[in-house]
Amino acid sequence: MTSPRTRAVSRPGGAGLSLGILSAAAFGTSGTFASSLIGAGWSPAAAVLVRISLAAVMLTIPAVVQLRGRWLMLRRAAPRVIAFGLAGVAGCQLFYFNAVARMPVGVALLLEYLGTVLVVGWLWVRHAQRPRRLTVAGAAASIAGLILVLNLTGATRINLVGVMWGLLAAVALAIYFVLSAATDGEPLPPIVMAWAGMCVGAVVLGLFGGIGVLPMAVSSRPVDFLHHQVSWVVPVVGLVDPPLPWHTERLRIIDVAVAMARVTAALSKIARDVTLLAQTEVGEVSEGAPAVGGTGGGPRRGGSSAMPNKSNPVAAVAILGCARQAGGLLATLVASAEQEHQRAAGAWHAEWQPFSHLLQLAVAAASWARDLLENLTVDTARMTGNLAAAGGLPMAERVTALLRDSLGGLQAHDLVATAAARAASAGVPLGDVLLATPDVADRLTQAGISAAEIEQALNPAGYLGASDAFIAAALAAHHPR
């Protein structure tokens, strides 16, 4: 038997395909970045070394956080991590960038993405996982498309060295996928695996460059990126070179601030509804205590010093506290955007504290929201009791809609309004007034409305409206499959 008090469970994310497409798109852009650097005098090895070193630095903090207390897990996975870093990270990028140096980016990318075909073949041969017909057809189409792009029968000469580098990149990419999907007793978190692999790749490339095995050439002159002359920093870190200096152009600060304010506003909607539904006289939801190590856990979480029976919604209140401050901080940043001449006196100094505080509030609200939603408890029995105590009055609109075709909109509205007023004043259910009051019952009979239809209209379980469609649309928008 299902308990009336059920814990809200979040649906698992179905964004694997979307993340894969995003990853492919992001990797595809690396060829454009690399070609601009190579055209400006950078060697492929230097471009790879700088880019993966920066990526490793950016992932260091989240990787270390995930490894707290679990460093032995990284040590046990060292062989796979080293192979992943050498082949999947350093080798894959190095081979691909060498191919880009000798042929168009699109052709080099098509050659490298043959790695997915190699993975299909590996799983078939090594693990007897026979691919489906659609998979085979897709692999054949990719090979045929590559042949057409290479124009093997045409007069244009193919750079065989570039093709060789591209095929080596395909093999390295296949190794990348196989090692990433490898499972053991205690698999590394994805961020840790990526970070460790990048560290290994950067160290090995640096050593090879230091002893002269790989040529390391860099240049600080401007590069040609998307038909524009930009700083070499743009393709290295993937940042856009702004047309104007930041000193008095503060719209980027406002854009970030608006995004943070939107986060707190969206989360405050959830938190406000929870505080209203958690009121003692409503009691339809409550915050459950998080697991050990969660935010603010403990058996007396939300307890009152004067009322031992009370349990306040801690996470929801914290979110609302963050959201209440966001609007004022955003207003300060917008007001500070007016900056005189080449550099303002005091205006951009006034941004520092509200900007950093707004970022902190958004992160704090998101953290509390996760705690809230993961531990939210819904009391379905209390919901049913509250609807029953309302005596059917919340269903008055549905009864009006039922009568509209027979009586007309205005008469149906007046009839249900009169019945609802009588039910509220007498403290009886709306259905009793509709079916037991002679003048009202006579009008329903004349309209051809049966008692069963009235009872059905007063059943809240059948009056969910478009809520299912809204839920499905929201999940599809934020967790595309």
Protein backbone atom coordinates (compact mmCIF):
# COMPACT_ATOMS: atom_id res chain seq x y z
CA MET A 1 0.00 0.00 0.00
CA THR A 2 1.31 3.40 -0.96
CA SER A 3 1.84 5.81 1.90
CA PRO A 4 -0.10 9.08 1.67
CA ARG A 5 3.11 10.96 2.41
CA THR A 6 5.36 10.60 -0.60
CA ARG A 7 8.72 12.12 -1.26
CA ALA A 8 9.02 14.14 -4.44
CA VAL A 9 11.44 12.41 -6.77
CA SER A 10 13.11 14.23 -9.62
CA ARG A 11 13.10 12.62 -13.02
CA PRO A 12 16.50 11.57 -14.30
CA GLY A 13 17.91 13.92 -16.88
CA GLY A 14 17.67 12.73 -20.47
CA ALA A 15 20.21 15.13 -21.90
CA GLY A 16 22.83 12.57 -22.92
CA LEU A 17 22.18 13.02 -26.63
CA SER A 18 22.14 16.79 -26.33
CA LEU A 19 25.41 16.78 -24.38
CA GLY A 20 26.93 14.57 -27.05
CA ILE A 21 25.86 16.92 -29.83
CA LEU A 22 27.11 19.92 -27.84
CA SER A 23 30.43 18.16 -27.25
CA ALA A 24 30.81 17.39 -30.94
CA ALA A 25 30.00 20.98 -31.87
CA ALA A 26 32.46 22.35 -29.32
CA PHE A 27 35.21 20.04 -30.54
CA GLY A 28 34.43 20.93 -34.13
CA THR A 29 35.10 24.59 -33.39
CA SER A 30 38.57 23.72 -32.09
CA GLY A 31 39.68 23.22 -35.70
CA THR A 32 38.75 26.81 -36.54
CA PHE A 33 40.69 28.06 -33.53
CA ALA A 34 43.68 25.85 -34.38
CA SER A 35 43.82 26.86 -38.04
CA SER A 36 43.96 30.55 -37.09
CA LEU A 37 46.84 29.91 -34.68
CA ILE A 38 48.74 27.73 -37.13
CA GLY A 39 48.29 30.36 -39.83
CA ALA A 40 49.88 32.92 -37.49
CA GLY A 41 52.99 30.81 -36.93
CA TRP A 42 52.02 28.49 -34.09
CA SER A 43 53.02 24.85 -34.30
CA PRO A 44 50.21 22.28 -33.83
CA ALA A 45 51.89 20.90 -30.70
CA ALA A 46 52.12 24.34 -29.10
CA ALA A 47 48.44 25.05 -29.84
CA VAL A 48 47.40 21.75 -28.28
CA LEU A 49 49.65 22.22 -25.24
CA VAL A 50 48.36 25.71 -24.43
CA ARG A 51 44.69 24.84 -24.92
CA ILE A 52 44.63 21.63 -22.87
CA SER A 53 46.79 23.22 -20.15
CA LEU A 54 44.28 26.04 -19.76
CA ALA A 55 41.41 23.55 -19.75
CA ALA A 56 43.16 21.52 -17.04
CA VAL A 57 43.61 24.63 -14.90
CA MET A 58 39.93 25.52 -15.26
CA LEU A 59 38.85 22.02 -14.18
CA THR A 60 41.25 21.78 -11.24
CA ILE A 61 38.94 23.17 -8.55
CA PRO A 62 35.81 21.13 -9.43
CA ALA A 63 37.94 18.00 -9.89
CA VAL A 64 39.67 18.41 -6.53
CA VAL A 65 36.30 19.01 -4.86
CA GLN A 66 34.95 15.74 -6.31
CA LEU A 67 38.08 13.88 -5.21
CA ARG A 68 37.92 14.93 -1.57
CA GLY A 69 38.57 11.82 0.48
CA ARG A 70 38.76 9.66 -2.66
CA TRP A 71 42.28 10.20 -3.95
CA LEU A 72 43.00 6.46 -3.83
CA MET A 73 40.33 6.03 -6.49
CA LEU A 74 42.42 8.18 -8.85
CA ARG A 75 45.53 6.17 -8.04
CA ARG A 76 43.78 2.88 -8.80
CA ALA A 77 42.60 4.24 -12.14
CA ALA A 78 46.06 5.58 -13.05
CA PRO A 79 46.73 3.18 -15.99
CA ARG A 80 43.45 4.06 -17.69
CA VAL A 81 43.93 7.77 -16.96
CA ILE A 82 47.45 7.76 -18.44
CA ALA A 83 46.25 5.98 -21.59
CA PHE A 84 43.31 8.36 -21.82
CA GLY A 85 45.56 11.41 -21.46
CA LEU A 86 48.15 10.20 -23.98
CA ALA A 87 45.84 8.92 -26.71
CA GLY A 88 42.41 10.40 -26.08
CA VAL A 89 43.48 13.91 -25.11
CA ALA A 90 47.00 14.77 -26.30
CA GLY A 91 47.16 12.37 -29.23
CA CYS A 92 43.70 13.11 -30.52
CA GLN A 93 44.20 16.87 -30.47
CA LEU A 94 47.76 16.73 -31.79
CA PHE A 95 46.87 14.48 -34.72
CA TYR A 96 43.82 16.55 -35.55
CA PHE A 97 45.69 19.86 -35.43
CA ASN A 98 48.40 18.42 -37.68
CA ALA A 99 45.70 17.41 -40.15
CA VAL A 100 44.18 20.90 -39.96
CA ALA A 101 47.59 22.35 -40.85
CA ARG A 102 47.51 20.43 -44.16
CA MET A 103 43.85 20.38 -45.27
CA PRO A 104 40.54 22.22 -44.71
CA VAL A 105 39.08 22.01 -41.22
CA GLY A 106 35.89 20.30 -42.42
CA VAL A 107 37.76 17.50 -44.17
CA ALA A 108 40.05 16.94 -41.19
CA LEU A 109 37.02 16.81 -38.90
CA LEU A 110 35.28 14.23 -41.12
CA LEU A 111 38.38 12.08 -41.06
CA GLU A 112 38.63 12.28 -37.30
CA TYR A 113 34.96 11.47 -36.77
CA LEU A 114 35.57 8.12 -38.45
CA GLY A 115 36.53 7.25 -34.88
CA THR A 116 32.85 6.59 -34.15
CA VAL A 117 32.81 4.01 -36.96
CA LEU A 118 35.89 2.40 -35.46
CA VAL A 119 34.12 2.21 -32.09
CA VAL A 120 31.19 0.40 -33.69
CA GLY A 121 33.59 -2.07 -35.29
CA TRP A 122 35.50 -2.55 -32.03
CA LEU A 123 32.36 -3.35 -30.07
CA TRP A 124 31.31 -5.81 -32.76
CA VAL A 125 34.64 -7.63 -32.95
CA ARG A 126 35.71 -7.42 -29.31
CA HIS A 127 32.41 -7.69 -27.45
CA ALA A 128 30.13 -9.28 -30.08
CA GLN A 129 27.78 -6.28 -29.95
CA ARG A 130 26.39 -6.49 -33.45
CA PRO A 131 25.27 -3.03 -34.64
CA ARG A 132 21.72 -2.41 -35.80
CA ARG A 133 20.94 -1.89 -39.44
CA LEU A 134 20.46 1.83 -38.91
CA THR A 135 23.90 2.07 -37.28
CA VAL A 136 25.50 0.20 -40.17
CA ALA A 137 23.70 2.44 -42.64
CA GLY A 138 24.92 5.53 -40.79
CA ALA A 139 28.51 4.27 -40.79
CA ALA A 140 28.34 3.48 -44.50
CA ALA A 141 26.88 6.93 -45.21
CA SER A 142 29.67 8.64 -43.26
CA ILE A 143 32.35 6.72 -45.18
CA ALA A 144 30.65 7.44 -48.51
CA GLY A 145 30.36 11.12 -47.62
CA LEU A 146 34.04 11.27 -46.72
CA ILE A 147 34.97 9.70 -50.07
CA LEU A 148 32.89 12.31 -51.88
CA VAL A 149 34.47 15.14 -49.87
CA LEU A 150 37.99 13.85 -50.54
CA ASN A 151 37.08 13.65 -54.26
CA LEU A 152 39.29 10.62 -54.79
CA THR A 153 38.48 10.45 -58.52
CA GLY A 154 38.94 14.16 -59.18
CA ALA A 155 41.93 16.07 -60.48
CA THR A 156 42.64 17.78 -57.15
CA ARG A 157 45.57 16.23 -55.33
CA ILE A 158 44.98 14.88 -51.86
CA ASN A 159 47.44 15.72 -49.11
CA LEU A 160 48.25 12.17 -48.06
CA VAL A 161 50.15 13.34 -44.99
CA GLY A 162 47.09 15.28 -43.86
CA VAL A 163 44.88 12.23 -44.46
CA MET A 164 47.30 10.14 -42.38
CA TRP A 165 47.11 12.61 -39.49
CA GLY A 166 43.32 12.66 -39.77
CA LEU A 167 43.11 8.85 -39.64
CA LEU A 168 45.43 8.80 -36.63
CA ALA A 169 43.08 11.32 -35.00
CA ALA A 170 40.21 8.92 -35.74
CA VAL A 171 42.01 6.09 -33.99
CA ALA A 172 42.80 8.34 -31.00
CA LEU A 173 39.17 9.46 -30.90
CA ALA A 174 38.02 5.84 -30.82
CA ILE A 175 40.39 5.20 -27.91
CA TYR A 176 38.96 8.29 -26.22
CA PHE A 177 35.42 6.90 -26.45
CA VAL A 178 36.36 3.37 -25.41
CA LEU A 179 38.33 4.52 -22.36
CA SER A 180 35.66 7.04 -21.39
CA ALA A 181 32.98 4.34 -21.43
CA ALA A 182 35.10 1.77 -19.59
CA THR A 183 33.59 0.83 -16.25
CA ASP A 184 35.14 -0.75 -13.20
CA GLY A 185 34.26 -1.23 -9.59
CA GLU A 186 34.61 2.47 -8.79
CA PRO A 187 34.58 4.61 -11.98
CA LEU A 188 36.05 8.09 -11.87
CA PRO A 189 33.65 11.04 -12.07
CA PRO A 190 33.61 12.47 -15.62
CA ILE A 191 35.11 15.81 -14.54
CA VAL A 192 37.95 14.04 -12.74
CA MET A 193 38.62 11.81 -15.74
CA ALA A 194 38.76 14.78 -18.11
CA TRP A 195 40.93 16.84 -15.75
CA ALA A 196 43.40 14.03 -15.07
CA GLY A 197 43.64 13.17 -18.76
CA MET A 198 44.35 16.79 -19.65
CA CYS A 199 47.03 17.01 -16.96
CA VAL A 200 48.72 13.89 -18.30
CA GLY A 201 48.51 15.13 -21.88
CA ALA A 202 49.88 18.56 -20.99
CA VAL A 203 52.80 17.13 -19.04
CA VAL A 204 53.77 14.68 -21.80
CA LEU A 205 53.50 17.29 -24.56
CA GLY A 206 55.52 19.73 -22.47
CA LEU A 207 58.27 17.14 -21.93
CA PHE A 208 58.38 16.21 -25.61
CA GLY A 209 58.52 19.87 -26.55
CA GLY A 210 61.24 20.56 -24.00
CA ILE A 211 63.56 17.85 -25.32
CA GLY A 212 62.91 18.81 -28.93
CA VAL A 213 60.84 15.83 -30.04
CA LEU A 214 57.88 18.07 -30.87
CA PRO A 215 58.35 21.53 -32.38
CA MET A 216 57.00 24.26 -30.13
CA ALA A 217 56.51 27.55 -31.94
CA VAL A 218 54.28 30.36 -30.71
CA SER A 219 53.58 33.89 -31.86
CA SER A 220 52.00 36.93 -30.27
CA ARG A 221 51.04 38.65 -33.50
CA PRO A 222 47.35 39.06 -34.42
CA VAL A 223 45.63 36.09 -36.04
CA ASP A 224 43.04 35.85 -38.81
CA PHE A 225 39.94 34.48 -37.09
CA LEU A 226 36.65 34.29 -39.02
CA HIS A 227 37.96 36.88 -41.49
CA HIS A 228 38.84 39.33 -38.72
CA GLN A 229 42.21 40.29 -37.28
CA VAL A 230 42.04 39.55 -33.56
CA SER A 231 44.43 38.98 -30.69
CA TRP A 232 46.03 35.54 -30.39
CA VAL A 233 44.26 35.22 -27.03
CA VAL A 234 40.90 34.77 -28.79
CA PRO A 235 41.57 31.34 -30.38
CA VAL A 236 43.64 30.18 -27.41
CA VAL A 237 40.97 30.67 -24.74
CA GLY A 238 37.91 30.88 -26.98
CA LEU A 239 36.95 34.38 -25.85
CA VAL A 240 35.56 37.08 -28.09
CA ASP A 241 37.70 40.17 -28.56
CA PRO A 242 35.33 43.07 -27.71
CA PRO A 243 35.26 46.02 -30.11
CA LEU A 244 35.48 48.56 -27.28
CA PRO A 245 37.46 48.55 -24.01
CA TRP A 246 35.71 47.65 -20.80
CA HIS A 247 36.48 50.87 -18.93
CA THR A 248 33.19 52.61 -19.71
CA GLU A 249 31.32 49.88 -21.61
CA ARG A 250 29.53 48.13 -18.75
CA LEU A 251 26.80 46.24 -20.61
CA ARG A 252 28.60 42.92 -20.13
CA ILE A 253 28.53 43.46 -16.38
CA ILE A 254 24.81 44.15 -16.57
CA ASP A 255 24.22 41.07 -18.76
CA VAL A 256 25.82 38.80 -16.16
CA ALA A 257 23.96 40.55 -13.35
CA VAL A 258 20.62 40.16 -15.14
CA ALA A 259 21.29 36.45 -15.64
CA MET A 260 22.00 36.02 -11.92
CA ALA A 261 18.89 38.00 -10.99
CA ARG A 262 16.82 35.80 -13.32
CA VAL A 263 18.15 32.72 -11.55
CA THR A 264 17.12 34.00 -8.14
CA ALA A 265 13.73 35.14 -9.49
CA ALA A 266 12.95 31.73 -10.98
CA LEU A 267 13.99 29.93 -7.81
CA SER A 268 12.04 32.33 -5.60
CA LYS A 269 8.81 31.28 -7.36
CA ILE A 270 9.40 27.69 -6.25
CA ALA A 271 10.42 28.76 -2.75
CA ARG A 272 7.41 31.03 -2.27
CA ASP A 273 4.97 28.29 -3.24
CA VAL A 274 6.67 25.92 -0.80
CA THR A 275 6.39 28.39 2.08
CA LEU A 276 2.69 28.88 1.34
CA LEU A 277 1.95 25.18 1.00
CA ALA A 278 3.97 24.42 4.15
CA GLN A 279 1.90 26.71 6.39
CA THR A 280 0.35 24.92 9.35
CA GLU A 281 -3.20 25.54 8.13
CA VAL A 282 -2.32 24.12 4.69
CA GLY A 283 0.36 21.52 5.46
CA GLU A 284 0.54 19.98 1.99
CA VAL A 285 4.34 19.97 1.67
CA SER A 286 7.30 20.02 4.01
CA GLU A 287 11.06 20.02 3.80
CA GLY A 288 12.57 16.69 4.68
CA ALA A 289 15.91 16.56 6.47
CA PRO A 290 18.76 16.01 3.97
CA ALA A 291 21.18 13.13 4.19
CA VAL A 292 24.22 13.37 6.42
CA GLY A 293 26.52 16.00 4.99
CA GLY A 294 23.68 17.96 3.38
CA THR A 295 23.01 21.64 3.89
CA GLY A 296 21.88 22.45 7.40
CA GLY A 297 20.84 18.90 8.22
CA GLY A 298 19.75 17.50 11.54
CA PRO A 299 16.63 16.17 13.22
CA ARG A 300 15.65 19.66 14.48
CA ARG A 301 16.11 21.39 11.15
CA GLY A 302 13.68 24.28 10.97
CA GLY A 303 12.55 23.80 14.54
CA SER A 304 11.17 26.63 16.66
CA SER A 305 12.70 27.58 20.02
CA ALA A 306 9.23 28.28 21.45
CA MET A 307 7.08 25.77 19.51
CA PRO A 308 8.61 22.26 19.57
CA ASN A 309 6.00 20.96 17.11
CA LYS A 310 6.90 23.48 14.41
CA SER A 311 9.14 22.83 11.39
CA ASN A 312 9.97 25.87 9.28
CA PRO A 313 10.95 25.56 5.58
CA VAL A 314 14.63 26.45 5.95
CA ALA A 315 15.75 26.05 2.34
CA ALA A 316 12.76 27.92 0.91
CA VAL A 317 13.26 30.81 3.33
CA ALA A 318 16.96 30.98 2.44
CA ILE A 319 16.15 31.15 -1.28
CA LEU A 320 13.65 33.95 -0.70
CA GLY A 321 16.24 35.81 1.35
CA CYS A 322 18.67 35.63 -1.57
CA ALA A 323 16.05 36.72 -4.09
CA ARG A 324 14.93 39.74 -2.06
CA GLN A 325 18.44 41.20 -2.24
CA ALA A 326 19.01 40.56 -5.95
CA GLY A 327 16.77 43.35 -7.25
CA GLY A 328 18.50 46.08 -5.27
CA LEU A 329 21.95 44.86 -6.25
CA LEU A 330 20.94 44.75 -9.92
CA ALA A 331 19.59 48.30 -9.66
CA THR A 332 22.91 49.48 -8.23
CA LEU A 333 24.80 47.91 -11.14
CA VAL A 334 22.47 49.45 -13.72
CA ALA A 335 22.80 52.85 -12.06
CA SER A 336 26.59 52.48 -12.08
CA ALA A 337 26.64 51.86 -15.85
CA GLU A 338 26.69 55.60 -16.51
CA GLN A 339 30.43 56.24 -16.56
CA GLU A 340 31.99 59.47 -17.72
CA HIS A 341 34.76 60.03 -20.28
CA GLN A 342 37.47 57.37 -20.49
CA ARG A 343 37.11 56.04 -16.94
CA ALA A 344 34.57 56.78 -14.26
CA ALA A 345 35.37 58.19 -10.86
CA GLY A 346 33.57 55.98 -8.37
CA ALA A 347 30.98 54.33 -10.65
CA TRP A 348 32.91 51.20 -11.53
CA HIS A 349 34.26 51.03 -7.98
CA ALA A 350 30.64 50.90 -6.83
CA GLU A 351 30.11 47.76 -8.94
CA TRP A 352 32.58 45.55 -7.12
CA GLN A 353 30.64 44.67 -3.99
CA PRO A 354 27.12 44.35 -5.48
CA PHE A 355 28.41 42.35 -8.45
CA SER A 356 30.30 39.81 -6.32
CA HIS A 357 27.45 39.67 -3.83
CA LEU A 358 24.91 39.01 -6.60
CA LEU A 359 27.01 36.12 -7.88
CA GLN A 360 27.19 34.70 -4.36
CA LEU A 361 23.43 35.01 -3.91
CA ALA A 362 22.68 33.21 -7.18
CA VAL A 363 25.00 30.34 -6.28
CA ALA A 364 23.60 30.14 -2.75
CA ALA A 365 20.01 30.15 -4.03
CA ALA A 366 20.80 27.38 -6.51
CA SER A 367 22.45 25.30 -3.78
CA TRP A 368 19.49 25.75 -1.44
CA ALA A 369 17.08 24.95 -4.30
CA ARG A 370 18.77 21.63 -4.91
CA ASP A 371 18.50 20.84 -1.20
CA LEU A 372 14.84 21.88 -1.23
CA LEU A 373 13.76 19.87 -4.27
CA GLU A 374 15.73 16.73 -3.42
CA ASN A 375 14.20 16.58 0.06
CA LEU A 376 10.70 17.94 -0.57
CA THR A 377 7.94 15.82 0.95
CA VAL A 378 4.38 15.95 -0.40
CA ASP A 379 1.42 14.96 1.80
CA THR A 380 -1.21 13.73 -0.68
CA ALA A 381 -3.64 12.83 2.10
CA ARG A 382 -3.57 16.43 3.37
CA MET A 383 -4.14 17.69 -0.17
CA THR A 384 -7.20 15.45 -0.49
CA GLY A 385 -8.47 16.60 2.89
CA ASN A 386 -8.08 20.28 2.01
CA LEU A 387 -10.03 19.81 -1.22
CA ALA A 388 -12.77 17.96 0.64
CA ALA A 389 -12.93 20.72 3.26
CA ALA A 390 -13.49 23.26 0.49
CA GLY A 391 -16.82 21.60 -0.25
CA GLY A 392 -16.41 21.57 -4.00
CA LEU A 393 -16.15 25.36 -4.33
CA PRO A 394 -12.82 25.19 -6.24
CA MET A 395 -14.72 23.22 -8.90
CA ALA A 396 -17.33 25.96 -9.46
CA GLU A 397 -15.62 27.04 -12.68
CA ARG A 398 -15.84 23.54 -14.09
CA VAL A 399 -19.55 23.30 -13.26
CA THR A 400 -20.07 26.63 -15.02
CA ALA A 401 -18.34 25.28 -18.10
CA LEU A 402 -20.60 22.21 -18.00
CA LEU A 403 -23.74 24.37 -17.96
CA ARG A 404 -22.58 26.98 -20.46
CA ASP A 405 -23.73 25.15 -23.60
CA SER A 406 -27.22 24.51 -22.22
CA LEU A 407 -27.94 27.73 -20.32
CA GLY A 408 -25.62 30.23 -21.94
CA GLY A 409 -22.57 31.77 -20.37
CA LEU A 410 -24.22 34.49 -18.28
CA GLN A 411 -27.05 32.33 -16.90
CA ALA A 412 -24.67 29.47 -16.11
CA HIS A 413 -22.39 31.87 -14.24
CA ASP A 414 -25.26 33.39 -12.22
CA LEU A 415 -26.69 29.99 -11.34
CA VAL A 416 -23.39 28.60 -10.03
CA ALA A 417 -22.57 31.87 -8.25
CA THR A 418 -25.90 31.74 -6.39
CA ALA A 419 -25.38 28.09 -5.47
CA ALA A 420 -21.81 28.77 -4.31
CA ALA A 421 -22.96 31.66 -2.10
CA ARG A 422 -25.61 29.43 -0.49
CA ALA A 423 -23.06 26.63 0.07
CA ALA A 424 -20.56 28.99 1.68
CA SER A 425 -23.12 30.63 3.97
CA ALA A 426 -24.70 27.34 5.05
CA GLY A 427 -21.42 25.46 5.31
CA VAL A 428 -22.56 22.64 3.05
CA PRO A 429 -20.91 21.17 -0.06
CA LEU A 430 -21.63 22.85 -3.40
CA GLY A 431 -22.93 19.57 -4.82
CA ASP A 432 -25.67 19.40 -2.17
CA VAL A 433 -26.91 22.86 -3.06
CA LEU A 434 -26.88 22.11 -6.79
CA LEU A 435 -28.75 18.81 -6.45
CA ALA A 436 -30.92 19.33 -3.35
CA THR A 437 -32.15 22.91 -3.75
CA PRO A 438 -35.45 22.66 -5.72
CA ASP A 439 -35.15 25.79 -7.88
CA VAL A 440 -31.52 25.03 -8.78
CA ALA A 441 -32.18 21.32 -9.36
CA ASP A 442 -35.15 22.14 -11.61
CA ARG A 443 -33.03 24.38 -13.81
CA LEU A 444 -30.39 21.65 -14.10
CA THR A 445 -33.07 19.13 -15.06
CA GLN A 446 -34.46 21.51 -17.70
CA ALA A 447 -30.93 21.92 -19.09
CA GLY A 448 -30.53 18.14 -19.36
CA ILE A 449 -27.74 17.96 -16.79
CA SER A 450 -27.81 14.77 -14.72
CA ALA A 451 -26.67 14.31 -11.13
CA ALA A 452 -23.84 12.04 -12.34
CA GLU A 453 -22.51 14.82 -14.57
CA ILE A 454 -22.55 17.28 -11.66
CA GLU A 455 -20.70 14.82 -9.43
CA GLN A 456 -18.15 14.21 -12.14
CA ALA A 457 -17.63 17.96 -12.62
CA LEU A 458 -17.06 18.33 -8.86
CA ASN A 459 -14.34 15.64 -8.82
CA PRO A 460 -10.98 17.47 -8.60
CA ALA A 461 -9.09 14.45 -9.94
CA GLY A 462 -10.62 15.07 -13.35
CA TYR A 463 -9.88 18.79 -13.43
CA LEU A 464 -6.14 18.95 -13.97
CA GLY A 465 -6.55 21.03 -17.11
CA ALA A 466 -3.37 21.36 -19.16
CA SER A 467 -1.02 20.65 -16.25
CA ASP A 468 0.24 17.39 -17.76
CA ALA A 469 0.95 19.14 -21.06
CA PHE A 470 2.79 21.96 -19.25
CA ILE A 471 4.90 19.47 -17.28
CA ALA A 472 5.78 17.52 -20.41
CA ALA A 473 6.67 20.72 -22.28
CA ALA A 474 8.89 21.96 -19.43
CA LEU A 475 10.72 18.64 -19.17
CA ALA A 476 11.18 18.50 -22.94
CA ALA A 477 12.57 22.04 -22.98
CA HIS A 478 15.09 21.52 -20.19
CA HIS A 479 15.86 17.81 -20.63
CA PRO A 480 15.75 17.23 -24.41
CA ARG A 481 16.08 13.63 -25.53
